[in-house]
N, C-alpha and C. Protein backbone atom coordinates (compact mmCIF):
# COMPACT_ATOMS: atom_id res chain seq x y z
N UNK A 1 154.10 49.57 58.38
CA UNK A 1 153.42 48.47 57.75
C UNK A 1 152.32 47.97 58.66
N UNK A 2 151.20 47.73 58.06
CA UNK A 2 150.10 47.19 58.84
C UNK A 2 150.06 45.69 58.64
N UNK A 3 149.89 45.02 59.71
CA UNK A 3 149.80 43.57 59.65
C UNK A 3 148.38 43.15 59.94
N UNK A 4 147.91 42.23 59.17
CA UNK A 4 146.58 41.71 59.42
C UNK A 4 146.69 40.59 60.45
N UNK A 5 145.85 40.68 61.42
CA UNK A 5 145.84 39.65 62.44
C UNK A 5 144.80 38.63 62.04
N UNK A 6 145.23 37.45 61.86
CA UNK A 6 144.32 36.37 61.47
C UNK A 6 143.63 35.83 62.72
N UNK A 7 142.40 35.44 62.54
CA UNK A 7 141.67 34.84 63.65
C UNK A 7 142.31 33.51 64.00
N UNK A 8 142.36 33.24 65.27
CA UNK A 8 142.97 31.99 65.71
C UNK A 8 142.13 30.81 65.23
N UNK A 9 142.82 29.84 64.75
CA UNK A 9 142.09 28.62 64.41
C UNK A 9 142.08 27.76 65.65
N UNK A 10 141.00 27.12 65.85
CA UNK A 10 140.91 26.28 67.04
C UNK A 10 139.47 26.15 67.44
N UNK A 11 139.25 25.74 68.66
CA UNK A 11 137.87 25.55 69.11
C UNK A 11 137.16 26.90 69.25
N UNK A 12 135.88 26.88 69.09
CA UNK A 12 135.07 28.09 69.22
C UNK A 12 134.56 28.57 67.88
N UNK A 13 133.69 29.54 67.94
CA UNK A 13 133.10 30.09 66.72
C UNK A 13 134.10 31.00 66.02
N UNK A 14 134.04 31.05 64.70
CA UNK A 14 134.89 32.01 63.99
C UNK A 14 134.34 33.42 64.20
N UNK A 15 135.24 34.39 64.16
CA UNK A 15 134.87 35.79 64.38
C UNK A 15 134.00 36.28 63.23
N UNK A 16 132.80 36.79 63.54
CA UNK A 16 131.91 37.32 62.51
C UNK A 16 132.07 38.83 62.35
N UNK A 17 132.27 39.52 63.45
CA UNK A 17 132.41 40.97 63.40
C UNK A 17 133.89 41.30 63.24
N UNK A 18 134.31 41.41 62.00
CA UNK A 18 135.71 41.71 61.72
C UNK A 18 135.93 43.22 61.70
N UNK A 19 137.19 43.60 61.67
CA UNK A 19 137.51 45.03 61.63
C UNK A 19 137.00 45.67 60.35
N UNK A 20 137.12 44.97 59.24
CA UNK A 20 136.63 45.49 57.95
C UNK A 20 135.12 45.72 57.99
N UNK A 21 134.39 44.75 58.53
CA UNK A 21 132.94 44.89 58.64
C UNK A 21 132.59 46.03 59.60
N UNK A 22 133.35 46.16 60.68
CA UNK A 22 133.10 47.24 61.64
C UNK A 22 133.31 48.60 60.99
N UNK A 23 134.32 48.73 60.13
CA UNK A 23 134.55 49.99 59.42
C UNK A 23 133.38 50.31 58.50
N UNK A 24 132.86 49.30 57.82
CA UNK A 24 131.72 49.51 56.94
C UNK A 24 130.48 49.89 57.74
N UNK A 25 130.30 49.26 58.90
CA UNK A 25 129.17 49.61 59.77
C UNK A 25 129.32 51.04 60.28
N UNK A 26 130.54 51.44 60.63
CA UNK A 26 130.79 52.80 61.12
C UNK A 26 130.46 53.83 60.04
N UNK A 27 130.82 53.54 58.79
CA UNK A 27 130.49 54.45 57.69
C UNK A 27 128.98 54.55 57.53
N UNK A 28 128.30 53.40 57.62
CA UNK A 28 126.84 53.40 57.50
C UNK A 28 126.21 54.24 58.62
N UNK A 29 126.73 54.10 59.84
CA UNK A 29 126.21 54.87 60.97
C UNK A 29 126.43 56.37 60.74
N UNK A 30 127.57 56.72 60.15
CA UNK A 30 127.86 58.12 59.87
C UNK A 30 126.90 58.74 58.88
N UNK A 31 126.34 57.93 57.98
CA UNK A 31 125.40 58.44 56.99
C UNK A 31 123.96 58.51 57.50
N UNK A 32 123.68 57.89 58.62
CA UNK A 32 122.30 57.83 59.13
C UNK A 32 121.68 59.20 59.42
N UNK A 33 122.36 60.12 60.12
CA UNK A 33 121.70 61.41 60.41
C UNK A 33 121.37 62.20 59.15
N UNK A 34 122.26 62.16 58.18
CA UNK A 34 122.02 62.91 56.95
C UNK A 34 120.88 62.32 56.14
N UNK A 35 120.65 61.01 56.31
CA UNK A 35 119.55 60.35 55.60
C UNK A 35 118.23 60.50 56.34
N UNK A 36 118.27 61.11 57.52
CA UNK A 36 117.04 61.31 58.28
C UNK A 36 116.63 60.11 59.11
N UNK A 37 117.53 59.16 59.29
CA UNK A 37 117.24 57.97 60.10
C UNK A 37 117.67 58.27 61.53
N UNK A 38 116.79 58.09 62.51
CA UNK A 38 117.17 58.32 63.90
C UNK A 38 118.33 57.41 64.31
N UNK A 39 119.31 57.98 64.99
CA UNK A 39 120.49 57.22 65.39
C UNK A 39 120.21 56.56 66.74
N UNK A 40 119.70 55.33 66.68
CA UNK A 40 119.46 54.54 67.88
C UNK A 40 120.08 53.17 67.66
N UNK A 41 120.36 52.47 68.75
CA UNK A 41 120.96 51.14 68.61
C UNK A 41 120.00 50.18 67.92
N UNK A 42 118.71 50.32 68.18
CA UNK A 42 117.74 49.45 67.50
C UNK A 42 117.79 49.65 65.99
N UNK A 43 117.85 50.91 65.56
CA UNK A 43 117.94 51.18 64.12
C UNK A 43 119.25 50.66 63.54
N UNK A 44 120.33 50.79 64.29
CA UNK A 44 121.62 50.29 63.80
C UNK A 44 121.57 48.78 63.63
N UNK A 45 121.02 48.09 64.63
CA UNK A 45 120.92 46.62 64.54
C UNK A 45 120.10 46.23 63.32
N UNK A 46 118.96 46.90 63.10
CA UNK A 46 118.11 46.57 61.96
C UNK A 46 118.80 46.85 60.63
N UNK A 47 119.47 47.99 60.52
CA UNK A 47 120.13 48.34 59.26
C UNK A 47 121.32 47.43 58.97
N UNK A 48 122.04 47.04 60.02
CA UNK A 48 123.16 46.11 59.82
C UNK A 48 122.63 44.77 59.33
N UNK A 49 121.53 44.33 59.90
CA UNK A 49 120.95 43.05 59.48
C UNK A 49 120.47 43.12 58.03
N UNK A 50 119.85 44.23 57.65
CA UNK A 50 119.38 44.37 56.27
C UNK A 50 120.54 44.47 55.28
N UNK A 51 121.53 45.28 55.62
CA UNK A 51 122.61 45.57 54.67
C UNK A 51 123.66 44.46 54.61
N UNK A 52 124.03 43.90 55.75
CA UNK A 52 125.13 42.95 55.79
C UNK A 52 124.69 41.51 56.04
N UNK A 53 123.41 41.31 56.34
CA UNK A 53 122.89 39.96 56.50
C UNK A 53 123.30 39.28 57.80
N UNK A 54 123.82 40.02 58.74
CA UNK A 54 124.22 39.45 60.03
C UNK A 54 123.57 40.26 61.13
N UNK A 55 123.12 39.58 62.15
CA UNK A 55 122.47 40.27 63.27
C UNK A 55 123.42 40.28 64.46
N UNK A 56 123.90 41.49 64.76
CA UNK A 56 124.75 41.68 65.93
C UNK A 56 123.96 42.46 66.96
N UNK A 57 124.14 42.09 68.21
CA UNK A 57 123.46 42.81 69.28
C UNK A 57 124.23 44.08 69.63
N UNK A 58 123.54 44.95 70.32
CA UNK A 58 124.13 46.24 70.70
C UNK A 58 125.41 46.06 71.51
N UNK A 59 125.38 45.13 72.45
CA UNK A 59 126.54 44.93 73.32
C UNK A 59 127.78 44.55 72.52
N UNK A 60 127.61 43.70 71.55
CA UNK A 60 128.76 43.27 70.74
C UNK A 60 129.30 44.47 69.96
N UNK A 61 128.41 45.22 69.32
CA UNK A 61 128.86 46.33 68.48
C UNK A 61 129.47 47.46 69.31
N UNK A 62 128.93 47.71 70.49
CA UNK A 62 129.44 48.84 71.27
C UNK A 62 130.71 48.51 72.05
N UNK A 63 130.94 47.24 72.36
CA UNK A 63 132.10 46.88 73.19
C UNK A 63 133.30 46.37 72.41
N UNK A 64 133.08 45.91 71.18
CA UNK A 64 134.18 45.33 70.39
C UNK A 64 135.15 46.43 69.99
N UNK A 65 136.45 46.19 70.21
CA UNK A 65 137.46 47.19 69.86
C UNK A 65 138.61 46.54 69.11
N UNK A 66 139.25 47.33 68.27
CA UNK A 66 140.41 46.89 67.51
C UNK A 66 141.52 47.89 67.80
N UNK A 67 142.59 47.40 68.38
CA UNK A 67 143.70 48.27 68.73
C UNK A 67 143.32 49.31 69.77
N UNK A 68 142.39 48.97 70.64
CA UNK A 68 141.95 49.90 71.68
C UNK A 68 140.94 50.93 71.22
N UNK A 69 140.50 50.84 69.98
CA UNK A 69 139.54 51.80 69.44
C UNK A 69 138.22 51.10 69.18
N UNK A 70 137.17 51.61 69.79
CA UNK A 70 135.83 51.07 69.56
C UNK A 70 135.24 51.78 68.35
N UNK A 71 135.41 51.21 67.18
CA UNK A 71 135.02 51.86 65.93
C UNK A 71 133.53 52.17 65.89
N UNK A 72 132.71 51.19 66.20
CA UNK A 72 131.26 51.35 66.07
C UNK A 72 130.73 52.29 67.15
N UNK A 73 131.23 52.15 68.37
CA UNK A 73 130.77 53.02 69.47
C UNK A 73 131.15 54.47 69.19
N UNK A 74 132.36 54.69 68.68
CA UNK A 74 132.78 56.06 68.34
C UNK A 74 131.93 56.64 67.22
N UNK A 75 131.62 55.82 66.21
CA UNK A 75 130.78 56.28 65.10
C UNK A 75 129.38 56.62 65.61
N UNK A 76 128.88 55.81 66.55
CA UNK A 76 127.55 56.06 67.13
C UNK A 76 127.54 57.39 67.88
N UNK A 77 128.58 57.65 68.67
CA UNK A 77 128.65 58.90 69.42
C UNK A 77 128.74 60.10 68.48
N UNK A 78 129.56 59.98 67.44
CA UNK A 78 129.70 61.08 66.48
C UNK A 78 128.40 61.33 65.74
N UNK A 79 127.73 60.26 65.31
CA UNK A 79 126.47 60.40 64.58
C UNK A 79 125.39 60.99 65.48
N UNK A 80 125.41 60.63 66.76
CA UNK A 80 124.45 61.21 67.70
C UNK A 80 124.65 62.71 67.83
N UNK A 81 125.91 63.15 67.88
CA UNK A 81 126.20 64.59 67.94
C UNK A 81 125.74 65.31 66.69
N UNK A 82 125.97 64.70 65.53
CA UNK A 82 125.53 65.31 64.27
C UNK A 82 124.01 65.41 64.24
N UNK A 83 123.33 64.34 64.69
CA UNK A 83 121.87 64.34 64.70
C UNK A 83 121.33 65.44 65.61
N UNK A 84 121.97 65.65 66.76
CA UNK A 84 121.52 66.71 67.67
C UNK A 84 121.71 68.09 67.05
N UNK A 85 122.86 68.30 66.38
CA UNK A 85 123.09 69.60 65.73
C UNK A 85 122.09 69.83 64.61
N UNK A 86 121.81 68.79 63.83
CA UNK A 86 120.82 68.94 62.75
C UNK A 86 119.44 69.25 63.32
N UNK A 87 119.12 68.62 64.45
CA UNK A 87 117.81 68.85 65.06
C UNK A 87 117.68 70.29 65.55
N UNK A 88 118.74 70.82 66.17
CA UNK A 88 118.67 72.20 66.66
C UNK A 88 118.67 73.20 65.52
N UNK A 89 119.35 72.88 64.42
CA UNK A 89 119.34 73.78 63.27
C UNK A 89 117.98 73.79 62.59
N UNK A 90 117.31 72.65 62.57
CA UNK A 90 116.03 72.55 61.88
C UNK A 90 114.87 73.07 62.75
N UNK A 91 115.09 73.18 64.05
CA UNK A 91 114.02 73.62 64.94
C UNK A 91 113.71 75.09 64.67
N UNK A 92 112.44 75.48 64.79
CA UNK A 92 112.09 76.88 64.59
C UNK A 92 112.73 77.75 65.66
N UNK A 93 113.04 78.97 65.30
CA UNK A 93 113.70 79.87 66.23
C UNK A 93 112.81 80.19 67.42
N UNK A 94 111.54 80.36 67.16
CA UNK A 94 110.59 80.63 68.23
C UNK A 94 109.65 79.44 68.33
N UNK A 95 109.72 78.75 69.45
CA UNK A 95 109.02 77.48 69.59
C UNK A 95 107.50 77.65 69.71
N UNK A 96 107.05 78.69 70.35
CA UNK A 96 105.62 78.82 70.57
C UNK A 96 104.99 79.74 69.54
N UNK A 97 103.73 79.55 69.32
CA UNK A 97 103.01 80.35 68.34
C UNK A 97 102.95 81.81 68.77
N UNK A 98 102.80 82.06 70.07
CA UNK A 98 102.69 83.45 70.53
C UNK A 98 103.98 84.22 70.27
N UNK A 99 105.12 83.57 70.44
CA UNK A 99 106.38 84.25 70.15
C UNK A 99 106.51 84.53 68.66
N UNK A 100 106.10 83.59 67.84
CA UNK A 100 106.16 83.81 66.39
C UNK A 100 105.24 84.97 66.00
N UNK A 101 104.06 85.02 66.61
CA UNK A 101 103.13 86.12 66.35
C UNK A 101 103.75 87.45 66.76
N UNK A 102 104.35 87.48 67.94
CA UNK A 102 104.97 88.71 68.42
C UNK A 102 106.13 89.13 67.52
N UNK A 103 106.92 88.18 67.07
CA UNK A 103 108.03 88.51 66.18
C UNK A 103 107.52 89.09 64.87
N UNK A 104 106.45 88.49 64.32
CA UNK A 104 105.86 89.00 63.08
C UNK A 104 105.31 90.42 63.30
N UNK A 105 104.67 90.65 64.45
CA UNK A 105 104.11 91.97 64.76
C UNK A 105 105.24 93.00 64.91
N UNK A 106 106.32 92.62 65.54
CA UNK A 106 107.47 93.53 65.68
C UNK A 106 108.01 93.90 64.31
N UNK A 107 108.12 92.92 63.43
CA UNK A 107 108.61 93.19 62.08
C UNK A 107 107.70 94.16 61.34
N UNK A 108 106.38 93.96 61.46
CA UNK A 108 105.43 94.86 60.82
C UNK A 108 105.55 96.28 61.37
N UNK A 109 105.68 96.40 62.69
CA UNK A 109 105.79 97.72 63.30
C UNK A 109 107.10 98.41 62.91
N UNK A 110 108.17 97.65 62.80
CA UNK A 110 109.44 98.24 62.36
C UNK A 110 109.32 98.76 60.93
N UNK A 111 108.62 98.02 60.07
CA UNK A 111 108.42 98.47 58.69
C UNK A 111 107.59 99.75 58.67
N UNK A 112 106.56 99.82 59.53
CA UNK A 112 105.73 101.02 59.62
C UNK A 112 106.55 102.21 60.09
N UNK A 113 107.40 101.99 61.08
CA UNK A 113 108.26 103.07 61.59
C UNK A 113 109.17 103.59 60.49
N UNK A 114 109.76 102.69 59.72
CA UNK A 114 110.64 103.12 58.63
C UNK A 114 109.88 103.93 57.59
N UNK A 115 108.66 103.47 57.25
CA UNK A 115 107.84 104.19 56.26
C UNK A 115 107.48 105.58 56.76
N UNK A 116 107.07 105.67 58.03
CA UNK A 116 106.70 106.97 58.59
C UNK A 116 107.91 107.90 58.71
N UNK A 117 109.06 107.35 59.03
CA UNK A 117 110.25 108.21 59.12
C UNK A 117 110.64 108.74 57.75
N UNK A 118 110.45 107.95 56.69
CA UNK A 118 110.71 108.44 55.34
C UNK A 118 109.73 109.56 54.97
N UNK A 119 108.45 109.39 55.34
CA UNK A 119 107.47 110.43 55.07
C UNK A 119 107.82 111.71 55.84
N UNK A 120 108.26 111.54 57.08
CA UNK A 120 108.65 112.69 57.89
C UNK A 120 109.83 113.43 57.26
N UNK A 121 110.81 112.69 56.78
CA UNK A 121 111.96 113.31 56.12
C UNK A 121 111.53 114.08 54.88
N UNK A 122 110.61 113.49 54.09
CA UNK A 122 110.13 114.17 52.88
C UNK A 122 109.38 115.45 53.25
N UNK A 123 108.54 115.39 54.30
CA UNK A 123 107.80 116.57 54.74
C UNK A 123 108.74 117.65 55.25
N UNK A 124 109.74 117.24 56.02
CA UNK A 124 110.72 118.22 56.53
C UNK A 124 111.46 118.89 55.38
N UNK A 125 111.86 118.11 54.40
CA UNK A 125 112.59 118.67 53.25
C UNK A 125 111.72 119.67 52.51
N UNK A 126 110.43 119.32 52.32
CA UNK A 126 109.51 120.21 51.61
C UNK A 126 109.32 121.51 52.40
N UNK A 127 109.10 121.40 53.70
CA UNK A 127 108.90 122.59 54.53
C UNK A 127 110.17 123.44 54.58
N UNK A 128 111.33 122.82 54.60
CA UNK A 128 112.58 123.57 54.60
C UNK A 128 112.73 124.36 53.30
N UNK A 129 112.37 123.72 52.19
CA UNK A 129 112.46 124.42 50.91
C UNK A 129 111.50 125.60 50.88
N UNK A 130 110.26 125.41 51.38
CA UNK A 130 109.30 126.51 51.42
C UNK A 130 109.80 127.64 52.32
N UNK A 131 110.38 127.28 53.44
CA UNK A 131 110.89 128.30 54.36
C UNK A 131 112.06 129.06 53.73
N UNK A 132 112.95 128.33 53.07
CA UNK A 132 114.09 128.98 52.41
C UNK A 132 113.59 129.90 51.31
N UNK A 133 112.56 129.48 50.57
CA UNK A 133 111.98 130.31 49.51
C UNK A 133 111.36 131.56 50.11
N UNK A 134 110.70 131.41 51.25
CA UNK A 134 110.08 132.54 51.93
C UNK A 134 111.13 133.57 52.36
N UNK A 135 112.25 133.09 52.86
CA UNK A 135 113.30 134.01 53.30
C UNK A 135 113.94 134.75 52.12
N UNK A 136 114.05 134.07 50.98
CA UNK A 136 114.68 134.69 49.80
C UNK A 136 113.72 135.61 49.05
N UNK A 137 112.45 135.46 49.28
CA UNK A 137 111.44 136.20 48.51
C UNK A 137 111.28 137.62 49.06
N UNK A 138 111.05 138.57 48.16
CA UNK A 138 110.86 139.95 48.58
C UNK A 138 109.38 140.31 48.67
N UNK A 139 108.52 139.35 48.40
CA UNK A 139 107.09 139.59 48.45
C UNK A 139 106.66 139.70 49.91
N UNK A 140 105.77 140.63 50.23
CA UNK A 140 105.28 140.77 51.61
C UNK A 140 104.56 139.50 52.06
N UNK A 141 104.61 139.26 53.34
CA UNK A 141 104.09 138.03 53.92
C UNK A 141 102.59 137.88 53.70
N UNK A 142 101.81 138.95 53.85
CA UNK A 142 100.36 138.84 53.70
C UNK A 142 99.99 138.46 52.26
N UNK A 143 100.76 138.89 51.27
CA UNK A 143 100.48 138.49 49.88
C UNK A 143 100.80 137.01 49.67
N UNK A 144 101.85 136.54 50.29
CA UNK A 144 102.20 135.11 50.17
C UNK A 144 101.11 134.23 50.79
N UNK A 145 100.55 134.67 51.92
CA UNK A 145 99.48 133.92 52.57
C UNK A 145 98.26 133.87 51.67
N UNK A 146 97.93 134.99 51.03
CA UNK A 146 96.78 135.03 50.11
C UNK A 146 97.02 134.11 48.92
N UNK A 147 98.23 134.12 48.36
CA UNK A 147 98.56 133.23 47.23
C UNK A 147 98.45 131.76 47.63
N UNK A 148 98.88 131.47 48.81
CA UNK A 148 98.82 130.09 49.31
C UNK A 148 97.37 129.66 49.48
N UNK A 149 96.52 130.55 49.99
CA UNK A 149 95.10 130.24 50.18
C UNK A 149 94.42 130.01 48.84
N UNK A 150 94.75 130.83 47.85
CA UNK A 150 94.17 130.66 46.51
C UNK A 150 94.61 129.34 45.89
N UNK A 151 95.85 128.96 46.12
CA UNK A 151 96.37 127.71 45.56
C UNK A 151 95.65 126.50 46.18
N UNK A 152 95.30 126.62 47.44
CA UNK A 152 94.58 125.52 48.10
C UNK A 152 93.15 125.40 47.59
N UNK A 153 92.52 126.54 47.28
CA UNK A 153 91.14 126.54 46.80
C UNK A 153 91.04 125.87 45.43
N UNK A 154 92.06 126.03 44.64
CA UNK A 154 92.00 125.48 43.27
C UNK A 154 92.30 124.04 43.32
């Protein structure tokens, strides 16, 4: 069973940053990287003020803990990690233009190599067939050469 701890009544200001509000702030912080909002304490302070109408300073939000758990500080650390992963995933693989140019050139050359190797295979197959036909044929070699020359002239 969870028990709610009531704020002490007595002298002093009433607690504004409650555990429920801290959980809502932590959820908001978790959504910041996916929304494209930089995860900084200044942005968190501004968004909390806009969304919840209360202005808490960074020190209050980062140091306040409930049951030994700093909800907002943990959410900030997790969101920072997510933002870093998103940034590295979105970054281009090759940072400089010269590397991108070289990668594109390598890709073009690999395509050319594949095309030429296919042409080479086709030429080899054709020559092998001609050679096999020559071996099976009973026609004298000089007549075959003459027939080949006539075929080229036409």
